[in-house]
Amino acid sequence: MNRMTATLAVALGLSLAARAQAPGLGVRINGDAGSTLYVPVKVNDAFMVEGTLSYLHFKNDTGAGTLSSYRTTSTEVGAGFFWLKPLGESTRLYAGPRVSHGKASTVYGGAPEQRADSQGWTVAPTLGVEYFPLRNVSIGGEIGASYGHATGDRSDFTGHQSVKSTQASTVSSVILRYYF
């Protein structure tokens, strides 16, 4: 079983094992060429587990045979583990880590074609606020610091290379959730 399948199984298992008071679905509202599906599961009044599944496909076609033409596809599966704190009747704060595992593939134009494939993990301490304009609907915003590590292979006209990368960045999202 590969790491992506194992991570998906763990995230799904944790979400289902919680036997939630309030399971739901959510989507991230952002401007990139991808989308993220959230499956929040309120375990109790003080804790929530949120499975995530992301898909991104981006294509930049600047002309046939140029190295600046490329297409990227990535998938990521993960889970967030959040402590909840009410801030009022219809607002709550949440904080905790998001962890994920993903795979990415980029193909560059040109002759010969160049390719880079990688897989890795990310952890992101996250802080968010969620407002409930309706009983089962929330809109929230979150910020976090993301740290990730990936390994992969790159092939081009010079041959084949193994690569490793580490990334640190800040992240922010607006999330619309529906709880059943």
N, C-alpha and C. Protein backbone atom coordinates (compact mmCIF):
# COMPACT_ATOMS: atom_id res chain seq x y z
N MET A 1 0.86 -1.17 0.00
CA MET A 1 0.00 0.00 0.00
C MET A 1 0.91 1.23 0.00
N ASN A 2 0.68 2.15 -0.95
CA ASN A 2 1.53 3.33 -1.00
C ASN A 2 1.12 4.35 0.06
N ARG A 3 1.95 5.36 0.24
CA ARG A 3 1.71 6.36 1.30
C ARG A 3 0.43 7.14 1.09
N MET A 4 0.11 7.50 -0.17
CA MET A 4 -1.10 8.27 -0.45
C MET A 4 -2.34 7.47 -0.03
N THR A 5 -2.40 6.19 -0.38
CA THR A 5 -3.53 5.35 -0.02
C THR A 5 -3.61 5.19 1.50
N ALA A 6 -2.47 5.00 2.15
CA ALA A 6 -2.45 4.85 3.60
C ALA A 6 -2.93 6.13 4.29
N THR A 7 -2.48 7.29 3.81
CA THR A 7 -2.90 8.56 4.40
C THR A 7 -4.40 8.76 4.22
N LEU A 8 -4.91 8.45 3.01
CA LEU A 8 -6.35 8.57 2.76
C LEU A 8 -7.13 7.65 3.69
N ALA A 9 -6.67 6.42 3.86
CA ALA A 9 -7.35 5.47 4.73
C ALA A 9 -7.38 5.97 6.17
N VAL A 10 -6.27 6.51 6.65
CA VAL A 10 -6.21 7.02 8.03
C VAL A 10 -7.14 8.22 8.19
N ALA A 11 -7.09 9.18 7.25
CA ALA A 11 -7.95 10.37 7.35
C ALA A 11 -9.42 9.99 7.29
N LEU A 12 -9.78 9.10 6.37
CA LEU A 12 -11.16 8.66 6.26
C LEU A 12 -11.58 7.87 7.49
N GLY A 13 -10.70 7.00 7.96
CA GLY A 13 -10.99 6.21 9.14
C GLY A 13 -11.22 7.06 10.37
N LEU A 14 -10.38 8.07 10.55
CA LEU A 14 -10.56 8.96 11.70
C LEU A 14 -11.88 9.71 11.61
N SER A 15 -12.21 10.17 10.40
CA SER A 15 -13.47 10.89 10.23
C SER A 15 -14.66 9.99 10.50
N LEU A 16 -14.63 8.77 9.98
CA LEU A 16 -15.76 7.86 10.17
C LEU A 16 -15.81 7.31 11.59
N ALA A 17 -14.66 7.07 12.20
CA ALA A 17 -14.62 6.51 13.54
C ALA A 17 -15.17 7.48 14.58
N ALA A 18 -15.13 8.74 14.27
CA ALA A 18 -15.60 9.74 15.22
C ALA A 18 -17.10 9.62 15.47
N ARG A 19 -17.84 9.05 14.51
CA ARG A 19 -19.30 8.93 14.63
C ARG A 19 -19.87 10.23 15.13
N ALA A 20 -19.78 11.20 14.28
CA ALA A 20 -19.97 12.60 14.62
C ALA A 20 -21.36 12.98 15.05
N GLN A 21 -21.40 14.02 15.86
CA GLN A 21 -22.64 14.70 16.15
C GLN A 21 -23.05 15.52 14.93
N ALA A 22 -22.06 16.09 14.24
CA ALA A 22 -22.36 17.00 13.14
C ALA A 22 -21.36 16.84 12.00
N PRO A 23 -21.51 15.79 11.16
CA PRO A 23 -20.62 15.70 10.00
C PRO A 23 -21.04 16.73 8.98
N GLY A 24 -20.18 17.00 8.03
CA GLY A 24 -20.54 17.99 7.03
C GLY A 24 -19.64 17.93 5.82
N LEU A 25 -19.82 18.87 4.93
CA LEU A 25 -18.99 19.03 3.75
C LEU A 25 -18.60 20.49 3.66
N GLY A 26 -17.45 20.74 3.05
CA GLY A 26 -17.02 22.12 2.88
C GLY A 26 -16.20 22.25 1.61
N VAL A 27 -16.08 23.47 1.12
CA VAL A 27 -15.23 23.76 -0.03
C VAL A 27 -14.39 24.98 0.28
N ARG A 28 -13.19 25.00 -0.26
CA ARG A 28 -12.33 26.16 -0.09
C ARG A 28 -12.59 27.10 -1.25
N ILE A 29 -12.72 28.37 -0.95
CA ILE A 29 -12.91 29.39 -1.97
C ILE A 29 -11.56 30.05 -2.18
N ASN A 30 -10.97 29.80 -3.35
CA ASN A 30 -9.67 30.41 -3.64
C ASN A 30 -9.55 30.67 -5.13
N GLY A 31 -8.47 31.26 -5.54
CA GLY A 31 -8.34 31.69 -6.92
C GLY A 31 -7.46 30.83 -7.79
N ASP A 32 -7.00 29.67 -7.32
CA ASP A 32 -6.13 28.87 -8.17
C ASP A 32 -6.95 27.89 -9.00
N ALA A 33 -6.28 27.07 -9.76
CA ALA A 33 -6.93 26.15 -10.69
C ALA A 33 -7.32 24.84 -10.01
N GLY A 34 -7.36 24.82 -8.72
CA GLY A 34 -7.67 23.60 -8.00
C GLY A 34 -8.86 23.76 -7.09
N SER A 35 -9.19 22.68 -6.42
CA SER A 35 -10.29 22.74 -5.48
C SER A 35 -9.99 21.79 -4.32
N THR A 36 -10.58 22.07 -3.18
CA THR A 36 -10.41 21.25 -2.00
C THR A 36 -11.77 20.92 -1.42
N LEU A 37 -11.99 19.66 -1.14
CA LEU A 37 -13.20 19.20 -0.48
C LEU A 37 -12.86 18.94 0.98
N TYR A 38 -13.65 19.50 1.88
CA TYR A 38 -13.46 19.31 3.31
C TYR A 38 -14.59 18.43 3.84
N VAL A 39 -14.27 17.55 4.78
CA VAL A 39 -15.28 16.73 5.45
C VAL A 39 -15.10 16.94 6.96
N PRO A 40 -15.73 17.99 7.50
CA PRO A 40 -15.59 18.26 8.93
C PRO A 40 -16.48 17.33 9.75
N VAL A 41 -15.93 16.82 10.83
CA VAL A 41 -16.67 15.94 11.73
C VAL A 41 -16.49 16.48 13.14
N LYS A 42 -17.56 16.98 13.70
CA LYS A 42 -17.52 17.50 15.07
C LYS A 42 -17.61 16.30 16.02
N VAL A 43 -16.49 15.99 16.68
CA VAL A 43 -16.44 14.85 17.59
C VAL A 43 -17.23 15.15 18.85
N ASN A 44 -17.02 16.34 19.40
CA ASN A 44 -17.80 16.81 20.54
C ASN A 44 -17.76 18.34 20.51
N ASP A 45 -18.24 18.99 21.54
CA ASP A 45 -18.29 20.46 21.54
C ASP A 45 -16.92 21.11 21.56
N ALA A 46 -15.88 20.34 21.84
CA ALA A 46 -14.55 20.92 21.98
C ALA A 46 -13.55 20.44 20.94
N PHE A 47 -13.94 19.50 20.03
CA PHE A 47 -12.96 18.94 19.10
C PHE A 47 -13.60 18.58 17.77
N MET A 48 -12.87 18.84 16.68
CA MET A 48 -13.33 18.53 15.33
C MET A 48 -12.18 17.90 14.54
N VAL A 49 -12.50 16.87 13.74
CA VAL A 49 -11.56 16.28 12.78
C VAL A 49 -12.10 16.64 11.40
N GLU A 50 -11.21 17.10 10.52
CA GLU A 50 -11.65 17.51 9.18
C GLU A 50 -10.76 16.86 8.12
N GLY A 51 -11.31 15.87 7.42
CA GLY A 51 -10.60 15.26 6.31
C GLY A 51 -10.59 16.20 5.11
N THR A 52 -9.53 16.15 4.30
CA THR A 52 -9.44 17.00 3.11
C THR A 52 -8.97 16.18 1.91
N LEU A 53 -9.46 16.58 0.75
CA LEU A 53 -9.03 16.00 -0.51
C LEU A 53 -8.90 17.15 -1.50
N SER A 54 -7.68 17.34 -2.04
CA SER A 54 -7.41 18.45 -2.96
C SER A 54 -6.98 17.93 -4.32
N TYR A 55 -7.36 18.68 -5.35
CA TYR A 55 -6.95 18.37 -6.71
C TYR A 55 -6.63 19.68 -7.42
N LEU A 56 -5.51 19.70 -8.12
CA LEU A 56 -5.09 20.88 -8.87
C LEU A 56 -4.64 20.45 -10.26
N HIS A 57 -5.11 21.13 -11.27
CA HIS A 57 -4.62 20.92 -12.63
C HIS A 57 -4.43 22.30 -13.25
N PHE A 58 -3.21 22.57 -13.68
CA PHE A 58 -2.89 23.88 -14.23
C PHE A 58 -2.10 23.68 -15.51
N LYS A 59 -2.43 24.47 -16.51
CA LYS A 59 -1.74 24.38 -17.79
C LYS A 59 -1.34 25.79 -18.23
N ASN A 60 -0.09 25.94 -18.61
CA ASN A 60 0.41 27.22 -19.12
C ASN A 60 1.00 26.93 -20.51
N ASP A 61 0.27 27.32 -21.53
CA ASP A 61 0.70 27.04 -22.90
C ASP A 61 1.15 28.33 -23.56
N THR A 62 2.45 28.52 -23.61
CA THR A 62 3.01 29.74 -24.20
C THR A 62 3.53 29.53 -25.61
N GLY A 63 3.27 28.37 -26.18
CA GLY A 63 3.70 28.10 -27.55
C GLY A 63 4.37 26.74 -27.64
N ALA A 64 4.16 26.09 -28.75
CA ALA A 64 4.70 24.75 -28.94
C ALA A 64 6.21 24.75 -28.88
N GLY A 65 6.75 23.78 -28.18
CA GLY A 65 8.19 23.58 -28.14
C GLY A 65 8.96 24.51 -27.23
N THR A 66 8.27 25.30 -26.41
CA THR A 66 9.00 26.20 -25.52
C THR A 66 9.07 25.60 -24.13
N LEU A 67 10.15 25.87 -23.44
CA LEU A 67 10.33 25.35 -22.08
C LEU A 67 9.40 26.01 -21.08
N SER A 68 8.84 27.18 -21.41
CA SER A 68 7.95 27.83 -20.46
C SER A 68 6.52 27.28 -20.55
N SER A 69 6.25 26.40 -21.48
CA SER A 69 4.95 25.72 -21.53
C SER A 69 5.01 24.54 -20.58
N TYR A 70 3.98 24.40 -19.74
CA TYR A 70 3.97 23.28 -18.82
C TYR A 70 2.56 22.96 -18.37
N ARG A 71 2.39 21.78 -17.81
CA ARG A 71 1.14 21.41 -17.17
C ARG A 71 1.47 20.67 -15.87
N THR A 72 0.74 21.02 -14.84
CA THR A 72 0.95 20.45 -13.52
C THR A 72 -0.35 19.83 -13.02
N THR A 73 -0.24 18.66 -12.44
CA THR A 73 -1.37 18.01 -11.80
C THR A 73 -0.91 17.56 -10.42
N SER A 74 -1.73 17.84 -9.41
CA SER A 74 -1.39 17.36 -8.07
C SER A 74 -2.65 16.93 -7.32
N THR A 75 -2.47 15.97 -6.45
CA THR A 75 -3.53 15.52 -5.55
C THR A 75 -2.95 15.49 -4.14
N GLU A 76 -3.82 15.74 -3.18
CA GLU A 76 -3.37 15.75 -1.78
C GLU A 76 -4.52 15.28 -0.90
N VAL A 77 -4.21 14.45 0.07
CA VAL A 77 -5.20 13.98 1.02
C VAL A 77 -4.66 14.26 2.43
N GLY A 78 -5.54 14.66 3.32
CA GLY A 78 -5.06 14.98 4.66
C GLY A 78 -6.18 15.08 5.67
N ALA A 79 -5.81 15.59 6.83
CA ALA A 79 -6.77 15.77 7.92
C ALA A 79 -6.32 16.91 8.81
N GLY A 80 -7.29 17.61 9.37
CA GLY A 80 -7.03 18.64 10.37
C GLY A 80 -7.61 18.18 11.69
N PHE A 81 -6.94 18.51 12.76
CA PHE A 81 -7.36 18.12 14.11
C PHE A 81 -7.48 19.40 14.93
N PHE A 82 -8.72 19.83 15.21
CA PHE A 82 -8.93 21.17 15.76
C PHE A 82 -9.66 21.18 17.10
N TRP A 83 -9.11 21.96 18.01
CA TRP A 83 -9.79 22.27 19.26
C TRP A 83 -10.69 23.45 18.99
N LEU A 84 -11.91 23.40 19.53
CA LEU A 84 -12.92 24.41 19.27
C LEU A 84 -13.16 25.26 20.51
N LYS A 85 -13.34 26.57 20.31
CA LYS A 85 -13.66 27.47 21.42
C LYS A 85 -14.74 28.44 20.97
N PRO A 86 -15.92 28.38 21.59
CA PRO A 86 -16.98 29.33 21.22
C PRO A 86 -16.56 30.76 21.54
N LEU A 87 -16.89 31.67 20.63
CA LEU A 87 -16.62 33.09 20.84
C LEU A 87 -17.91 33.89 21.00
N GLY A 88 -19.02 33.21 20.92
CA GLY A 88 -20.33 33.83 21.02
C GLY A 88 -21.38 32.84 20.56
N GLU A 89 -22.61 33.32 20.37
CA GLU A 89 -23.71 32.46 19.95
C GLU A 89 -23.47 31.78 18.61
N SER A 90 -22.87 32.48 17.65
CA SER A 90 -22.75 31.94 16.30
C SER A 90 -21.33 32.00 15.73
N THR A 91 -20.35 32.15 16.61
CA THR A 91 -18.96 32.24 16.16
C THR A 91 -18.08 31.35 17.03
N ARG A 92 -17.10 30.71 16.40
CA ARG A 92 -16.16 29.92 17.18
C ARG A 92 -14.76 30.01 16.58
N LEU A 93 -13.80 29.83 17.45
CA LEU A 93 -12.39 29.81 17.09
C LEU A 93 -11.97 28.34 17.01
N TYR A 94 -11.09 28.01 16.08
CA TYR A 94 -10.53 26.66 16.05
C TYR A 94 -9.03 26.74 15.81
N ALA A 95 -8.32 25.80 16.40
CA ALA A 95 -6.87 25.79 16.27
C ALA A 95 -6.37 24.35 16.33
N GLY A 96 -5.33 24.07 15.54
CA GLY A 96 -4.74 22.75 15.53
C GLY A 96 -3.96 22.51 14.25
N PRO A 97 -3.39 21.33 14.10
CA PRO A 97 -2.58 21.04 12.92
C PRO A 97 -3.40 20.47 11.76
N ARG A 98 -2.99 20.80 10.56
CA ARG A 98 -3.44 20.11 9.35
C ARG A 98 -2.23 19.31 8.87
N VAL A 99 -2.43 18.05 8.56
CA VAL A 99 -1.37 17.21 8.02
C VAL A 99 -1.86 16.61 6.71
N SER A 100 -0.95 16.43 5.76
CA SER A 100 -1.37 15.89 4.47
C SER A 100 -0.22 15.19 3.77
N HIS A 101 -0.60 14.40 2.78
CA HIS A 101 0.36 13.74 1.90
C HIS A 101 -0.11 13.98 0.48
N GLY A 102 0.83 14.32 -0.41
CA GLY A 102 0.43 14.62 -1.78
C GLY A 102 1.41 14.12 -2.81
N LYS A 103 0.92 14.12 -4.06
CA LYS A 103 1.72 13.76 -5.22
C LYS A 103 1.54 14.85 -6.26
N ALA A 104 2.62 15.14 -7.00
CA ALA A 104 2.54 16.15 -8.06
C ALA A 104 3.34 15.68 -9.26
N SER A 105 2.89 16.11 -10.43
CA SER A 105 3.58 15.80 -11.67
C SER A 105 3.54 17.04 -12.55
N THR A 106 4.70 17.43 -13.08
CA THR A 106 4.79 18.57 -13.99
C THR A 106 5.52 18.11 -15.25
N VAL A 107 4.94 18.44 -16.40
CA VAL A 107 5.55 18.13 -17.69
C VAL A 107 5.80 19.45 -18.39
N TYR A 108 7.06 19.66 -18.79
CA TYR A 108 7.46 20.89 -19.47
C TYR A 108 7.55 20.64 -20.97
N GLY A 109 7.19 21.66 -21.77
CA GLY A 109 7.29 21.55 -23.22
C GLY A 109 8.73 21.56 -23.66
N GLY A 110 8.92 21.53 -24.95
CA GLY A 110 10.27 21.53 -25.47
C GLY A 110 10.64 20.16 -25.99
N ALA A 111 11.77 20.11 -26.64
CA ALA A 111 12.24 18.84 -27.18
C ALA A 111 13.64 18.58 -26.66
N PRO A 112 13.89 17.53 -25.95
CA PRO A 112 12.90 16.53 -25.54
C PRO A 112 12.06 17.04 -24.37
N GLU A 113 10.95 16.38 -24.16
CA GLU A 113 10.05 16.74 -23.06
C GLU A 113 10.76 16.54 -21.71
N GLN A 114 10.49 17.43 -20.77
CA GLN A 114 11.06 17.31 -19.42
C GLN A 114 9.93 17.02 -18.44
N ARG A 115 10.25 16.27 -17.40
CA ARG A 115 9.22 15.85 -16.45
C ARG A 115 9.77 15.87 -15.03
N ALA A 116 8.90 16.24 -14.10
CA ALA A 116 9.25 16.19 -12.67
C ALA A 116 8.08 15.56 -11.92
N ASP A 117 8.36 14.54 -11.13
CA ASP A 117 7.35 13.88 -10.31
C ASP A 117 7.82 13.89 -8.87
N SER A 118 6.89 14.16 -7.95
CA SER A 118 7.29 14.19 -6.54
C SER A 118 6.13 13.74 -5.67
N GLN A 119 6.47 13.39 -4.43
CA GLN A 119 5.48 13.12 -3.40
C GLN A 119 6.07 13.56 -2.07
N GLY A 120 5.20 13.96 -1.17
CA GLY A 120 5.70 14.43 0.11
C GLY A 120 4.59 14.69 1.09
N TRP A 121 4.97 15.26 2.20
CA TRP A 121 4.03 15.54 3.28
C TRP A 121 4.12 17.01 3.68
N THR A 122 3.06 17.47 4.32
CA THR A 122 2.98 18.85 4.79
C THR A 122 2.33 18.85 6.18
N VAL A 123 2.79 19.71 7.05
CA VAL A 123 2.13 19.95 8.33
C VAL A 123 1.94 21.47 8.44
N ALA A 124 0.75 21.88 8.88
CA ALA A 124 0.45 23.31 8.95
C ALA A 124 -0.32 23.63 10.23
N PRO A 125 0.35 24.20 11.24
CA PRO A 125 -0.40 24.71 12.40
C PRO A 125 -1.38 25.77 11.89
N THR A 126 -2.65 25.66 12.31
CA THR A 126 -3.71 26.48 11.73
C THR A 126 -4.55 27.13 12.82
N LEU A 127 -4.97 28.37 12.56
CA LEU A 127 -5.87 29.10 13.43
C LEU A 127 -6.99 29.65 12.56
N GLY A 128 -8.24 29.40 12.98
CA GLY A 128 -9.37 29.85 12.17
C GLY A 128 -10.52 30.36 13.00
N VAL A 129 -11.40 31.10 12.34
CA VAL A 129 -12.64 31.59 12.94
C VAL A 129 -13.77 31.17 12.01
N GLU A 130 -14.85 30.70 12.59
CA GLU A 130 -15.99 30.21 11.81
C GLU A 130 -17.25 30.91 12.31
N TYR A 131 -18.02 31.48 11.37
CA TYR A 131 -19.27 32.18 11.70
C TYR A 131 -20.44 31.40 11.10
N PHE A 132 -21.48 31.19 11.88
CA PHE A 132 -22.66 30.45 11.45
C PHE A 132 -23.82 31.41 11.19
N PRO A 133 -24.03 31.86 9.94
CA PRO A 133 -25.20 32.71 9.66
C PRO A 133 -26.49 31.90 9.73
N LEU A 134 -26.40 30.59 9.49
CA LEU A 134 -27.50 29.65 9.63
C LEU A 134 -27.01 28.49 10.51
N ARG A 135 -27.93 27.75 11.08
CA ARG A 135 -27.57 26.68 12.03
C ARG A 135 -26.56 25.69 11.44
N ASN A 136 -26.73 25.29 10.18
CA ASN A 136 -25.88 24.26 9.59
C ASN A 136 -24.88 24.79 8.57
N VAL A 137 -24.80 26.08 8.39
CA VAL A 137 -23.91 26.67 7.38
C VAL A 137 -22.93 27.62 8.07
N SER A 138 -21.66 27.49 7.71
CA SER A 138 -20.67 28.41 8.27
C SER A 138 -19.77 28.93 7.16
N ILE A 139 -19.24 30.10 7.41
CA ILE A 139 -18.19 30.65 6.57
C ILE A 139 -17.04 30.99 7.51
N GLY A 140 -15.86 30.59 7.12
CA GLY A 140 -14.73 30.79 8.01
C GLY A 140 -13.49 31.23 7.27
N GLY A 141 -12.60 31.76 8.02
CA GLY A 141 -11.30 32.13 7.49
C GLY A 141 -10.23 31.54 8.37
N GLU A 142 -9.12 31.12 7.74
CA GLU A 142 -8.04 30.56 8.54
C GLU A 142 -6.69 30.98 7.99
N ILE A 143 -5.73 31.00 8.91
CA ILE A 143 -4.34 31.28 8.56
C ILE A 143 -3.48 30.19 9.16
N GLY A 144 -2.31 30.01 8.58
CA GLY A 144 -1.42 28.99 9.12
C GLY A 144 -0.02 29.15 8.58
N ALA A 145 0.86 28.36 9.14
CA ALA A 145 2.23 28.28 8.66
C ALA A 145 2.43 26.86 8.17
N SER A 146 2.85 26.71 6.93
CA SER A 146 2.96 25.39 6.32
C SER A 146 4.43 25.00 6.19
N TYR A 147 4.73 23.76 6.56
CA TYR A 147 6.08 23.21 6.39
C TYR A 147 5.93 21.88 5.67
N GLY A 148 6.68 21.70 4.59
CA GLY A 148 6.56 20.46 3.84
C GLY A 148 7.89 19.94 3.36
N HIS A 149 7.90 18.66 3.05
CA HIS A 149 9.09 17.99 2.53
C HIS A 149 8.65 17.06 1.41
N ALA A 150 9.36 17.10 0.29
CA ALA A 150 9.02 16.25 -0.85
C ALA A 150 10.28 15.64 -1.44
N THR A 151 10.11 14.47 -2.01
CA THR A 151 11.17 13.80 -2.77
C THR A 151 10.60 13.42 -4.12
N GLY A 152 11.46 13.30 -5.10
CA GLY A 152 10.96 12.93 -6.41
C GLY A 152 12.07 12.73 -7.42
N ASP A 153 11.65 12.66 -8.66
CA ASP A 153 12.55 12.44 -9.78
C ASP A 153 12.31 13.50 -10.84
N ARG A 154 13.40 13.90 -11.48
CA ARG A 154 13.31 14.86 -12.57
C ARG A 154 14.12 14.30 -13.73
N SER A 155 13.53 14.38 -14.92
CA SER A 155 14.26 13.93 -16.10
C SER A 155 14.20 15.01 -17.17
N ASP A 156 15.32 15.25 -17.81
CA ASP A 156 15.40 16.22 -18.90
C ASP A 156 16.51 15.79 -19.84
N PHE A 157 16.93 16.68 -20.70
CA PHE A 157 17.94 16.32 -21.70
C PHE A 157 19.29 15.96 -21.08
N THR A 158 19.52 16.33 -19.80
CA THR A 158 20.79 15.99 -19.15
C THR A 158 20.73 14.63 -18.47
N GLY A 159 19.55 14.05 -18.39
CA GLY A 159 19.43 12.74 -17.76
C GLY A 159 18.40 12.73 -16.64
N HIS A 160 18.55 11.79 -15.74
CA HIS A 160 17.60 11.56 -14.66
C HIS A 160 18.24 11.94 -13.32
N GLN A 161 17.50 12.67 -12.49
CA GLN A 161 18.02 13.09 -11.18
C GLN A 161 16.98 12.84 -10.10
N SER A 162 17.46 12.47 -8.91
CA SER A 162 16.59 12.42 -7.74
C SER A 162 16.68 13.78 -7.06
N VAL A 163 15.54 14.27 -6.60
CA VAL A 163 15.52 15.59 -5.97
C VAL A 163 14.79 15.53 -4.63
N LYS A 164 15.18 16.43 -3.74
CA LYS A 164 14.51 16.61 -2.46
C LYS A 164 14.26 18.09 -2.29
N SER A 165 13.14 18.43 -1.67
CA SER A 165 12.88 19.85 -1.41
C SER A 165 12.16 20.00 -0.08
N THR A 166 12.40 21.13 0.54
CA THR A 166 11.73 21.51 1.78
C THR A 166 11.14 22.89 1.55
N GLN A 167 9.93 23.08 2.04
CA GLN A 167 9.23 24.34 1.80
C GLN A 167 8.59 24.83 3.09
N ALA A 168 8.68 26.11 3.31
CA ALA A 168 7.98 26.75 4.43
C ALA A 168 7.26 27.98 3.88
N SER A 169 6.00 28.14 4.25
CA SER A 169 5.23 29.28 3.75
C SER A 169 4.07 29.56 4.69
N THR A 170 3.40 30.65 4.43
CA THR A 170 2.16 30.95 5.14
C THR A 170 1.00 30.60 4.22
N VAL A 171 -0.12 30.24 4.81
CA VAL A 171 -1.30 29.88 4.05
C VAL A 171 -2.51 30.59 4.64
N SER A 172 -3.47 30.91 3.79
CA SER A 172 -4.73 31.48 4.25
C SER A 172 -5.85 30.99 3.33
N SER A 173 -7.02 30.82 3.89
CA SER A 173 -8.17 30.30 3.14
C SER A 173 -9.46 30.89 3.68
N VAL A 174 -10.44 30.93 2.80
CA VAL A 174 -11.82 31.19 3.18
C VAL A 174 -12.56 29.90 2.87
N ILE A 175 -13.32 29.39 3.84
CA ILE A 175 -13.96 28.08 3.70
C ILE A 175 -15.45 28.20 3.99
N LEU A 176 -16.25 27.64 3.08
CA LEU A 176 -17.69 27.56 3.26
C LEU A 176 -18.01 26.11 3.63
N ARG A 177 -18.66 25.90 4.78
CA ARG A 177 -18.98 24.55 5.24
C ARG A 177 -20.48 24.38 5.43
N TYR A 178 -20.94 23.17 5.16
CA TYR A 178 -22.33 22.78 5.46
C TYR A 178 -22.27 21.57 6.38
N TYR A 179 -22.91 21.66 7.53
CA TYR A 179 -22.97 20.55 8.49
C TYR A 179 -24.35 19.91 8.39
N PHE A 180 -24.37 18.57 8.34
CA PHE A 180 -25.64 17.85 8.26
C PHE A 180 -26.36 17.87 9.58
